[in-house]
Amino acid sequence: PVGVFFEVGIGLHFWLNILLTLFGYVPGIIHAVWII
């Protein structure tokens, strides 16, 4: 979520990334790298 925050700020993708990270660490990483 920190990587997503630095890229897009607090918004839909940030909260989605927190949710994905809570469900599984790897989906959160994949989403963050995709956003960047």
PDB file of all heavy atoms in Angstrom:
ATOM      1  N   PRO A   1       0.797  -1.236   0.000  1.00  0.00           N
ATOM      2  CA  PRO A   1       0.000   0.000   0.000  1.00  0.00           C
ATOM      3  C   PRO A   1       0.828   1.283   0.000  1.00  0.00           C
ATOM      4  O   PRO A   1       0.397   2.294  -0.549  1.00  0.00           O
ATOM      5  CB  PRO A   1      -0.830  -0.104   1.294  1.00  0.00           C
ATOM      6  CG  PRO A   1      -0.926  -1.565   1.558  1.00  0.00           C
ATOM      7  CD  PRO A   1       0.395  -2.121   1.109  1.00  0.00           C
ATOM      8  N   VAL A   2       2.016   1.250   0.565  1.00  0.00           N
ATOM      9  CA  VAL A   2       2.859   2.454   0.580  1.00  0.00           C
ATOM     10  C   VAL A   2       3.322   2.797  -0.840  1.00  0.00           C
ATOM     11  O   VAL A   2       3.326   3.957  -1.235  1.00  0.00           O
ATOM     12  CB  VAL A   2       4.053   2.278   1.540  1.00  0.00           C
ATOM     13  CG1 VAL A   2       4.989   3.464   1.462  1.00  0.00           C
ATOM     14  CG2 VAL A   2       3.572   2.065   2.956  1.00  0.00           C
ATOM     15  N   GLY A   3       3.685   1.784  -1.609  1.00  0.00           N
ATOM     16  CA  GLY A   3       4.082   2.022  -2.994  1.00  0.00           C
ATOM     17  C   GLY A   3       2.954   2.607  -3.820  1.00  0.00           C
ATOM     18  O   GLY A   3       3.154   3.505  -4.628  1.00  0.00           O
ATOM     19  N   VAL A   4       1.740   2.107  -3.611  1.00  0.00           N
ATOM     20  CA  VAL A   4       0.572   2.636  -4.325  1.00  0.00           C
ATOM     21  C   VAL A   4       0.288   4.067  -3.870  1.00  0.00           C
ATOM     22  O   VAL A   4      -0.030   4.930  -4.683  1.00  0.00           O
ATOM     23  CB  VAL A   4      -0.661   1.731  -4.110  1.00  0.00           C
ATOM     24  CG1 VAL A   4      -1.904   2.357  -4.697  1.00  0.00           C
ATOM     25  CG2 VAL A   4      -0.415   0.366  -4.722  1.00  0.00           C
ATOM     26  N   PHE A   5       0.412   4.320  -2.578  1.00  0.00           N
ATOM     27  CA  PHE A   5       0.185   5.672  -2.062  1.00  0.00           C
ATOM     28  C   PHE A   5       1.126   6.673  -2.708  1.00  0.00           C
ATOM     29  O   PHE A   5       0.707   7.762  -3.109  1.00  0.00           O
ATOM     30  CB  PHE A   5       0.357   5.692  -0.540  1.00  0.00           C
ATOM     31  CG  PHE A   5       0.337   7.067   0.041  1.00  0.00           C
ATOM     32  CD1 PHE A   5      -0.851   7.765   0.159  1.00  0.00           C
ATOM     33  CD2 PHE A   5       1.503   7.684   0.447  1.00  0.00           C
ATOM     34  CE1 PHE A   5      -0.881   9.049   0.690  1.00  0.00           C
ATOM     35  CE2 PHE A   5       1.492   8.964   0.976  1.00  0.00           C
ATOM     36  CZ  PHE A   5       0.294   9.646   1.094  1.00  0.00           C
ATOM     37  N   PHE A   6       2.403   6.333  -2.839  1.00  0.00           N
ATOM     38  CA  PHE A   6       3.355   7.250  -3.464  1.00  0.00           C
ATOM     39  C   PHE A   6       3.068   7.455  -4.944  1.00  0.00           C
ATOM     40  O   PHE A   6       3.431   8.481  -5.504  1.00  0.00           O
ATOM     41  CB  PHE A   6       4.788   6.761  -3.278  1.00  0.00           C
ATOM     42  CG  PHE A   6       5.330   6.985  -1.891  1.00  0.00           C
ATOM     43  CD1 PHE A   6       6.126   6.035  -1.283  1.00  0.00           C
ATOM     44  CD2 PHE A   6       5.057   8.148  -1.196  1.00  0.00           C
ATOM     45  CE1 PHE A   6       6.631   6.235  -0.009  1.00  0.00           C
ATOM     46  CE2 PHE A   6       5.553   8.369   0.075  1.00  0.00           C
ATOM     47  CZ  PHE A   6       6.348   7.411   0.667  1.00  0.00           C
ATOM     48  N   GLU A   7       2.420   6.503  -5.583  1.00  0.00           N
ATOM     49  CA  GLU A   7       2.130   6.625  -7.013  1.00  0.00           C
ATOM     50  C   GLU A   7       0.827   7.396  -7.264  1.00  0.00           C
ATOM     51  O   GLU A   7       0.792   8.270  -8.123  1.00  0.00           O
ATOM     52  CB  GLU A   7       2.042   5.234  -7.644  1.00  0.00           C
ATOM     53  CG  GLU A   7       1.886   5.248  -9.128  1.00  0.00           C
ATOM     54  CD  GLU A   7       3.108   5.751  -9.867  1.00  0.00           C
ATOM     55  OE1 GLU A   7       4.235   5.629  -9.368  1.00  0.00           O
ATOM     56  OE2 GLU A   7       2.918   6.293 -10.970  1.00  0.00           O
ATOM     57  N   VAL A   8      -0.248   7.070  -6.539  1.00  0.00           N
ATOM     58  CA  VAL A   8      -1.553   7.663  -6.855  1.00  0.00           C
ATOM     59  C   VAL A   8      -2.205   8.388  -5.685  1.00  0.00           C
ATOM     60  O   VAL A   8      -3.268   8.991  -5.860  1.00  0.00           O
ATOM     61  CB  VAL A   8      -2.533   6.583  -7.389  1.00  0.00           C
ATOM     62  CG1 VAL A   8      -2.043   6.019  -8.694  1.00  0.00           C
ATOM     63  CG2 VAL A   8      -2.783   5.497  -6.372  1.00  0.00           C
ATOM     64  N   GLY A   9      -1.624   8.344  -4.504  1.00  0.00           N
ATOM     65  CA  GLY A   9      -2.231   8.996  -3.345  1.00  0.00           C
ATOM     66  C   GLY A   9      -3.333   8.134  -2.747  1.00  0.00           C
ATOM     67  O   GLY A   9      -3.487   6.967  -3.076  1.00  0.00           O
ATOM     68  N   ILE A  10      -4.110   8.759  -1.864  1.00  0.00           N
ATOM     69  CA  ILE A  10      -5.214   8.028  -1.232  1.00  0.00           C
ATOM     70  C   ILE A  10      -6.419   8.126  -2.151  1.00  0.00           C
ATOM     71  O   ILE A  10      -6.956   9.201  -2.386  1.00  0.00           O
ATOM     72  CB  ILE A  10      -5.534   8.602   0.163  1.00  0.00           C
ATOM     73  CG1 ILE A  10      -4.356   8.358   1.095  1.00  0.00           C
ATOM     74  CG2 ILE A  10      -6.803   7.975   0.722  1.00  0.00           C
ATOM     75  CD1 ILE A  10      -4.545   8.895   2.489  1.00  0.00           C
ATOM     76  N   GLY A  11      -6.820   7.001  -2.670  1.00  0.00           N
ATOM     77  CA  GLY A  11      -7.950   6.930  -3.588  1.00  0.00           C
ATOM     78  C   GLY A  11      -8.398   5.490  -3.710  1.00  0.00           C
ATOM     79  O   GLY A  11      -8.079   4.641  -2.867  1.00  0.00           O
ATOM     80  N   LEU A  12      -9.117   5.211  -4.768  1.00  0.00           N
ATOM     81  CA  LEU A  12      -9.672   3.880  -4.985  1.00  0.00           C
ATOM     82  C   LEU A  12      -8.582   2.813  -5.029  1.00  0.00           C
ATOM     83  O   LEU A  12      -8.701   1.770  -4.379  1.00  0.00           O
ATOM     84  CB  LEU A  12     -10.478   3.850  -6.280  1.00  0.00           C
ATOM     85  CG  LEU A  12     -10.995   2.471  -6.699  1.00  0.00           C
ATOM     86  CD1 LEU A  12     -12.033   1.981  -5.700  1.00  0.00           C
ATOM     87  CD2 LEU A  12     -11.557   2.517  -8.093  1.00  0.00           C
ATOM     88  N   HIS A  13      -7.511   3.045  -5.778  1.00  0.00           N
ATOM     89  CA  HIS A  13      -6.458   2.039  -5.911  1.00  0.00           C
ATOM     90  C   HIS A  13      -5.731   1.789  -4.589  1.00  0.00           C
ATOM     91  O   HIS A  13      -5.325   0.671  -4.300  1.00  0.00           O
ATOM     92  CB  HIS A  13      -5.455   2.432  -6.993  1.00  0.00           C
ATOM     93  CG  HIS A  13      -6.006   2.263  -8.375  1.00  0.00           C
ATOM     94  ND1 HIS A  13      -6.282   1.046  -8.918  1.00  0.00           N
ATOM     95  CD2 HIS A  13      -6.357   3.180  -9.302  1.00  0.00           C
ATOM     96  CE1 HIS A  13      -6.771   1.203 -10.133  1.00  0.00           C
ATOM     97  NE2 HIS A  13      -6.833   2.503 -10.385  1.00  0.00           N
ATOM     98  N   PHE A  14      -5.579   2.827  -3.786  1.00  0.00           N
ATOM     99  CA  PHE A  14      -4.942   2.663  -2.483  1.00  0.00           C
ATOM    100  C   PHE A  14      -5.763   1.732  -1.596  1.00  0.00           C
ATOM    101  O   PHE A  14      -5.247   0.786  -1.009  1.00  0.00           O
ATOM    102  CB  PHE A  14      -4.763   4.025  -1.813  1.00  0.00           C
ATOM    103  CG  PHE A  14      -4.233   3.947  -0.418  1.00  0.00           C
ATOM    104  CD1 PHE A  14      -2.901   3.654  -0.189  1.00  0.00           C
ATOM    105  CD2 PHE A  14      -5.063   4.158   0.669  1.00  0.00           C
ATOM    106  CE1 PHE A  14      -2.398   3.582   1.106  1.00  0.00           C
ATOM    107  CE2 PHE A  14      -4.577   4.097   1.960  1.00  0.00           C
ATOM    108  CZ  PHE A  14      -3.243   3.801   2.185  1.00  0.00           C
ATOM    109  N   TRP A  15      -7.069   1.995  -1.494  1.00  0.00           N
ATOM    110  CA  TRP A  15      -7.926   1.169  -0.639  1.00  0.00           C
ATOM    111  C   TRP A  15      -8.073  -0.227  -1.200  1.00  0.00           C
ATOM    112  O   TRP A  15      -8.126  -1.208  -0.437  1.00  0.00           O
ATOM    113  CB  TRP A  15      -9.289   1.833  -0.449  1.00  0.00           C
ATOM    114  CG  TRP A  15      -9.156   3.117   0.289  1.00  0.00           C
ATOM    115  CD1 TRP A  15      -9.353   4.375  -0.193  1.00  0.00           C
ATOM    116  CD2 TRP A  15      -8.732   3.283   1.659  1.00  0.00           C
ATOM    117  NE1 TRP A  15      -9.096   5.307   0.783  1.00  0.00           N
ATOM    118  CE2 TRP A  15      -8.722   4.672   1.925  1.00  0.00           C
ATOM    119  CE3 TRP A  15      -8.377   2.399   2.676  1.00  0.00           C
ATOM    120  CZ2 TRP A  15      -8.367   5.179   3.176  1.00  0.00           C
ATOM    121  CZ3 TRP A  15      -8.021   2.917   3.918  1.00  0.00           C
ATOM    122  CH2 TRP A  15      -8.016   4.285   4.153  1.00  0.00           C
ATOM    123  N   LEU A  16      -8.134  -0.368  -2.512  1.00  0.00           N
ATOM    124  CA  LEU A  16      -8.181  -1.684  -3.131  1.00  0.00           C
ATOM    125  C   LEU A  16      -6.914  -2.468  -2.821  1.00  0.00           C
ATOM    126  O   LEU A  16      -6.963  -3.666  -2.526  1.00  0.00           O
ATOM    127  CB  LEU A  16      -8.371  -1.558  -4.648  1.00  0.00           C
ATOM    128  CG  LEU A  16      -8.369  -2.856  -5.449  1.00  0.00           C
ATOM    129  CD1 LEU A  16      -9.517  -3.750  -5.008  1.00  0.00           C
ATOM    130  CD2 LEU A  16      -8.460  -2.547  -6.930  1.00  0.00           C
ATOM    131  N   ASN A  17      -5.777  -1.792  -2.838  1.00  0.00           N
ATOM    132  CA  ASN A  17      -4.523  -2.458  -2.537  1.00  0.00           C
ATOM    133  C   ASN A  17      -4.463  -2.905  -1.079  1.00  0.00           C
ATOM    134  O   ASN A  17      -3.951  -3.989  -0.790  1.00  0.00           O
ATOM    135  CB  ASN A  17      -3.336  -1.567  -2.873  1.00  0.00           C
ATOM    136  CG  ASN A  17      -2.048  -2.329  -2.798  1.00  0.00           C
ATOM    137  OD1 ASN A  17      -1.422  -2.386  -1.749  1.00  0.00           O
ATOM    138  ND2 ASN A  17      -1.682  -2.945  -3.908  1.00  0.00           N
ATOM    139  N   ILE A  18      -4.972  -2.107  -0.172  1.00  0.00           N
ATOM    140  CA  ILE A  18      -5.014  -2.528   1.230  1.00  0.00           C
ATOM    141  C   ILE A  18      -5.873  -3.783   1.370  1.00  0.00           C
ATOM    142  O   ILE A  18      -5.489  -4.741   2.052  1.00  0.00           O
ATOM    143  CB  ILE A  18      -5.547  -1.394   2.130  1.00  0.00           C
ATOM    144  CG1 ILE A  18      -4.471  -0.317   2.264  1.00  0.00           C
ATOM    145  CG2 ILE A  18      -5.940  -1.924   3.508  1.00  0.00           C
ATOM    146  CD1 ILE A  18      -4.877   0.870   3.086  1.00  0.00           C
ATOM    147  N   LEU A  19      -7.016  -3.808   0.696  1.00  0.00           N
ATOM    148  CA  LEU A  19      -7.891  -4.977   0.738  1.00  0.00           C
ATOM    149  C   LEU A  19      -7.204  -6.212   0.155  1.00  0.00           C
ATOM    150  O   LEU A  19      -7.233  -7.293   0.746  1.00  0.00           O
ATOM    151  CB  LEU A  19      -9.186  -4.676  -0.016  1.00  0.00           C
ATOM    152  CG  LEU A  19     -10.283  -5.705   0.053  1.00  0.00           C
ATOM    153  CD1 LEU A  19     -10.811  -5.809   1.484  1.00  0.00           C
ATOM    154  CD2 LEU A  19     -11.411  -5.327  -0.890  1.00  0.00           C
ATOM    155  N   LEU A  20      -6.553  -6.053  -0.997  1.00  0.00           N
ATOM    156  CA  LEU A  20      -5.843  -7.172  -1.618  1.00  0.00           C
ATOM    157  C   LEU A  20      -4.695  -7.655  -0.739  1.00  0.00           C
ATOM    158  O   LEU A  20      -4.447  -8.856  -0.638  1.00  0.00           O
ATOM    159  CB  LEU A  20      -5.309  -6.765  -2.996  1.00  0.00           C
ATOM    160  CG  LEU A  20      -6.347  -6.629  -4.090  1.00  0.00           C
ATOM    161  CD1 LEU A  20      -5.723  -5.985  -5.325  1.00  0.00           C
ATOM    162  CD2 LEU A  20      -6.960  -7.966  -4.432  1.00  0.00           C
ATOM    163  N   THR A  21      -3.996  -6.743  -0.099  1.00  0.00           N
ATOM    164  CA  THR A  21      -2.893  -7.114   0.778  1.00  0.00           C
ATOM    165  C   THR A  21      -3.401  -7.873   2.000  1.00  0.00           C
ATOM    166  O   THR A  21      -2.770  -8.819   2.459  1.00  0.00           O
ATOM    167  CB  THR A  21      -2.090  -5.870   1.204  1.00  0.00           C
ATOM    168  OG1 THR A  21      -1.626  -5.209   0.018  1.00  0.00           O
ATOM    169  CG2 THR A  21      -0.895  -6.249   2.052  1.00  0.00           C
ATOM    170  N   LEU A  22      -4.554  -7.480   2.519  1.00  0.00           N
ATOM    171  CA  LEU A  22      -5.136  -8.196   3.658  1.00  0.00           C
ATOM    172  C   LEU A  22      -5.588  -9.604   3.271  1.00  0.00           C
ATOM    173  O   LEU A  22      -5.480 -10.536   4.070  1.00  0.00           O
ATOM    174  CB  LEU A  22      -6.310  -7.410   4.241  1.00  0.00           C
ATOM    175  CG  LEU A  22      -5.947  -6.130   4.981  1.00  0.00           C
ATOM    176  CD1 LEU A  22      -7.213  -5.380   5.379  1.00  0.00           C
ATOM    177  CD2 LEU A  22      -5.091  -6.425   6.197  1.00  0.00           C
ATOM    178  N   PHE A  23      -6.111  -9.755   2.053  1.00  0.00           N
ATOM    179  CA  PHE A  23      -6.544 -11.079   1.597  1.00  0.00           C
ATOM    180  C   PHE A  23      -5.370 -11.983   1.244  1.00  0.00           C
ATOM    181  O   PHE A  23      -5.483 -13.196   1.304  1.00  0.00           O
ATOM    182  CB  PHE A  23      -7.485 -10.970   0.401  1.00  0.00           C
ATOM    183  CG  PHE A  23      -8.871 -10.550   0.778  1.00  0.00           C
ATOM    184  CD1 PHE A  23      -9.555  -9.643   0.000  1.00  0.00           C
ATOM    185  CD2 PHE A  23      -9.494 -11.060   1.900  1.00  0.00           C
ATOM    186  CE1 PHE A  23     -10.839  -9.256   0.333  1.00  0.00           C
ATOM    187  CE2 PHE A  23     -10.779 -10.673   2.244  1.00  0.00           C
ATOM    188  CZ  PHE A  23     -11.453  -9.766   1.453  1.00  0.00           C
ATOM    189  N   GLY A  24      -4.288 -11.393   0.838  1.00  0.00           N
ATOM    190  CA  GLY A  24      -3.103 -12.158   0.473  1.00  0.00           C
ATOM    191  C   GLY A  24      -1.998 -11.199   0.090  1.00  0.00           C
ATOM    192  O   GLY A  24      -2.219 -10.259  -0.659  1.00  0.00           O
ATOM    193  N   TYR A  25      -0.843 -11.439   0.611  1.00  0.00           N
ATOM    194  CA  TYR A  25       0.271 -10.524   0.400  1.00  0.00           C
ATOM    195  C   TYR A  25       0.655 -10.427  -1.086  1.00  0.00           C
ATOM    196  O   TYR A  25       0.896  -9.339  -1.601  1.00  0.00           O
ATOM    197  CB  TYR A  25       1.453 -10.999   1.245  1.00  0.00           C
ATOM    198  CG  TYR A  25       2.603 -10.048   1.314  1.00  0.00           C
ATOM    199  CD1 TYR A  25       2.475  -8.823   1.945  1.00  0.00           C
ATOM    200  CD2 TYR A  25       3.824 -10.374   0.729  1.00  0.00           C
ATOM    201  CE1 TYR A  25       3.539  -7.944   2.017  1.00  0.00           C
ATOM    202  CE2 TYR A  25       4.890  -9.512   0.801  1.00  0.00           C
ATOM    203  CZ  TYR A  25       4.745  -8.297   1.440  1.00  0.00           C
ATOM    204  OH  TYR A  25       5.793  -7.437   1.490  1.00  0.00           O
ATOM    205  N   VAL A  26       0.667 -11.553  -1.782  1.00  0.00           N
ATOM    206  CA  VAL A  26       1.086 -11.576  -3.192  1.00  0.00           C
ATOM    207  C   VAL A  26       0.126 -10.790  -4.092  1.00  0.00           C
ATOM    208  O   VAL A  26       0.592 -10.024  -4.945  1.00  0.00           O
ATOM    209  CB  VAL A  26       1.284 -13.025  -3.685  1.00  0.00           C
ATOM    210  CG1 VAL A  26       1.578 -13.068  -5.173  1.00  0.00           C
ATOM    211  CG2 VAL A  26       2.409 -13.696  -2.902  1.00  0.00           C
ATOM    212  N   PRO A  27      -1.201 -10.928  -3.946  1.00  0.00           N
ATOM    213  CA  PRO A  27      -2.078 -10.082  -4.779  1.00  0.00           C
ATOM    214  C   PRO A  27      -1.852  -8.584  -4.554  1.00  0.00           C
ATOM    215  O   PRO A  27      -1.943  -7.798  -5.504  1.00  0.00           O
ATOM    216  CB  PRO A  27      -3.489 -10.489  -4.353  1.00  0.00           C
ATOM    217  CG  PRO A  27      -3.339 -11.855  -3.824  1.00  0.00           C
ATOM    218  CD  PRO A  27      -1.986 -11.908  -3.186  1.00  0.00           C
ATOM    219  N   GLY A  28      -1.539  -8.203  -3.332  1.00  0.00           N
ATOM    220  CA  GLY A  28      -1.239  -6.799  -3.057  1.00  0.00           C
ATOM    221  C   GLY A  28       0.011  -6.333  -3.776  1.00  0.00           C
ATOM    222  O   GLY A  28       0.069  -5.230  -4.313  1.00  0.00           O
ATOM    223  N   ILE A  29       1.029  -7.186  -3.805  1.00  0.00           N
ATOM    224  CA  ILE A  29       2.274  -6.855  -4.514  1.00  0.00           C
ATOM    225  C   ILE A  29       2.020  -6.737  -6.013  1.00  0.00           C
ATOM    226  O   ILE A  29       2.473  -5.789  -6.661  1.00  0.00           O
ATOM    227  CB  ILE A  29       3.362  -7.903  -4.239  1.00  0.00           C
ATOM    228  CG1 ILE A  29       3.801  -7.849  -2.780  1.00  0.00           C
ATOM    229  CG2 ILE A  29       4.570  -7.698  -5.156  1.00  0.00           C
ATOM    230  CD1 ILE A  29       4.718  -8.978  -2.374  1.00  0.00           C
ATOM    231  N   ILE A  30       1.297  -7.696  -6.570  1.00  0.00           N
ATOM    232  CA  ILE A  30       1.017  -7.684  -8.012  1.00  0.00           C
ATOM    233  C   ILE A  30       0.249  -6.416  -8.391  1.00  0.00           C
ATOM    234  O   ILE A  30       0.573  -5.752  -9.380  1.00  0.00           O
ATOM    235  CB  ILE A  30       0.239  -8.946  -8.424  1.00  0.00           C
ATOM    236  CG1 ILE A  30       1.140 -10.173  -8.278  1.00  0.00           C
ATOM    237  CG2 ILE A  30      -0.295  -8.820  -9.847  1.00  0.00           C
ATOM    238  CD1 ILE A  30       0.415 -11.488  -8.418  1.00  0.00           C
ATOM    239  N   HIS A  31      -0.755  -6.064  -7.611  1.00  0.00           N
ATOM    240  CA  HIS A  31      -1.532  -4.858  -7.894  1.00  0.00           C
ATOM    241  C   HIS A  31      -0.664  -3.604  -7.783  1.00  0.00           C
ATOM    242  O   HIS A  31      -0.751  -2.709  -8.625  1.00  0.00           O
ATOM    243  CB  HIS A  31      -2.718  -4.775  -6.927  1.00  0.00           C
ATOM    244  CG  HIS A  31      -3.552  -3.555  -7.118  1.00  0.00           C
ATOM    245  ND1 HIS A  31      -3.493  -2.492  -6.248  1.00  0.00           N
ATOM    246  CD2 HIS A  31      -4.446  -3.218  -8.072  1.00  0.00           C
ATOM    247  CE1 HIS A  31      -4.320  -1.559  -6.667  1.00  0.00           C
ATOM    248  NE2 HIS A  31      -4.921  -1.967  -7.774  1.00  0.00           N
ATOM    249  N   ALA A  32       0.178  -3.535  -6.772  1.00  0.00           N
ATOM    250  CA  ALA A  32       1.030  -2.361  -6.585  1.00  0.00           C
ATOM    251  C   ALA A  32       2.001  -2.200  -7.743  1.00  0.00           C
ATOM    252  O   ALA A  32       2.184  -1.091  -8.264  1.00  0.00           O
ATOM    253  CB  ALA A  32       1.793  -2.474  -5.263  1.00  0.00           C
ATOM    254  N   VAL A  33       2.631  -3.279  -8.163  1.00  0.00           N
ATOM    255  CA  VAL A  33       3.572  -3.209  -9.292  1.00  0.00           C
ATOM    256  C   VAL A  33       2.829  -2.824 -10.571  1.00  0.00           C
ATOM    257  O   VAL A  33       3.327  -2.017 -11.367  1.00  0.00           O
ATOM    258  CB  VAL A  33       4.346  -4.536  -9.443  1.00  0.00           C
ATOM    259  CG1 VAL A  33       5.152  -4.556 -10.721  1.00  0.00           C
ATOM    260  CG2 VAL A  33       5.246  -4.763  -8.238  1.00  0.00           C
ATOM    261  N   TRP A  34       1.639  -3.352 -10.756  1.00  0.00           N
ATOM    262  CA  TRP A  34       0.848  -3.009 -11.945  1.00  0.00           C
ATOM    263  C   TRP A  34       0.515  -1.518 -11.958  1.00  0.00           C
ATOM    264  O   TRP A  34       0.620  -0.858 -12.989  1.00  0.00           O
ATOM    265  CB  TRP A  34      -0.426  -3.850 -11.991  1.00  0.00           C
ATOM    266  CG  TRP A  34      -1.322  -3.488 -13.119  1.00  0.00           C
ATOM    267  CD1 TRP A  34      -1.140  -3.786 -14.439  1.00  0.00           C
ATOM    268  CD2 TRP A  34      -2.528  -2.724 -13.041  1.00  0.00           C
ATOM    269  NE1 TRP A  34      -2.161  -3.258 -15.186  1.00  0.00           N
ATOM    270  CE2 TRP A  34      -3.031  -2.612 -14.355  1.00  0.00           C
ATOM    271  CE3 TRP A  34      -3.227  -2.150 -11.991  1.00  0.00           C
ATOM    272  CZ2 TRP A  34      -4.207  -1.934 -14.627  1.00  0.00           C
ATOM    273  CZ3 TRP A  34      -4.401  -1.469 -12.285  1.00  0.00           C
ATOM    274  CH2 TRP A  34      -4.873  -1.371 -13.595  1.00  0.00           C
ATOM    275  N   ILE A  35       0.135  -0.971 -10.805  1.00  0.00           N
ATOM    276  CA  ILE A  35      -0.191   0.460 -10.710  1.00  0.00           C
ATOM    277  C   ILE A  35       1.031   1.310 -11.064  1.00  0.00           C
ATOM    278  O   ILE A  35       0.934   2.298 -11.782  1.00  0.00           O
ATOM    279  CB  ILE A  35      -0.697   0.816  -9.289  1.00  0.00           C
ATOM    280  CG1 ILE A  35      -2.064   0.203  -9.039  1.00  0.00           C
ATOM    281  CG2 ILE A  35      -0.732   2.321  -9.072  1.00  0.00           C
ATOM    282  CD1 ILE A  35      -3.165   0.754  -9.896  1.00  0.00           C
ATOM    283  N   ILE A  36       2.196   0.907 -10.573  1.00  0.00           N
ATOM    284  CA  ILE A  36       3.411   1.684 -10.823  1.00  0.00           C
ATOM    285  C   ILE A  36       3.836   1.607 -12.282  1.00  0.00           C
ATOM    286  O   ILE A  36       4.251   2.597 -12.871  1.00  0.00           O
ATOM    287  CB  ILE A  36       4.539   1.209  -9.890  1.00  0.00           C
ATOM    288  CG1 ILE A  36       4.176   1.563  -8.443  1.00  0.00           C
ATOM    289  CG2 ILE A  36       5.869   1.828 -10.281  1.00  0.00           C
ATOM    290  CD1 ILE A  36       5.051   0.891  -7.413  1.00  0.00           C
TER     291      ILE A  36
END
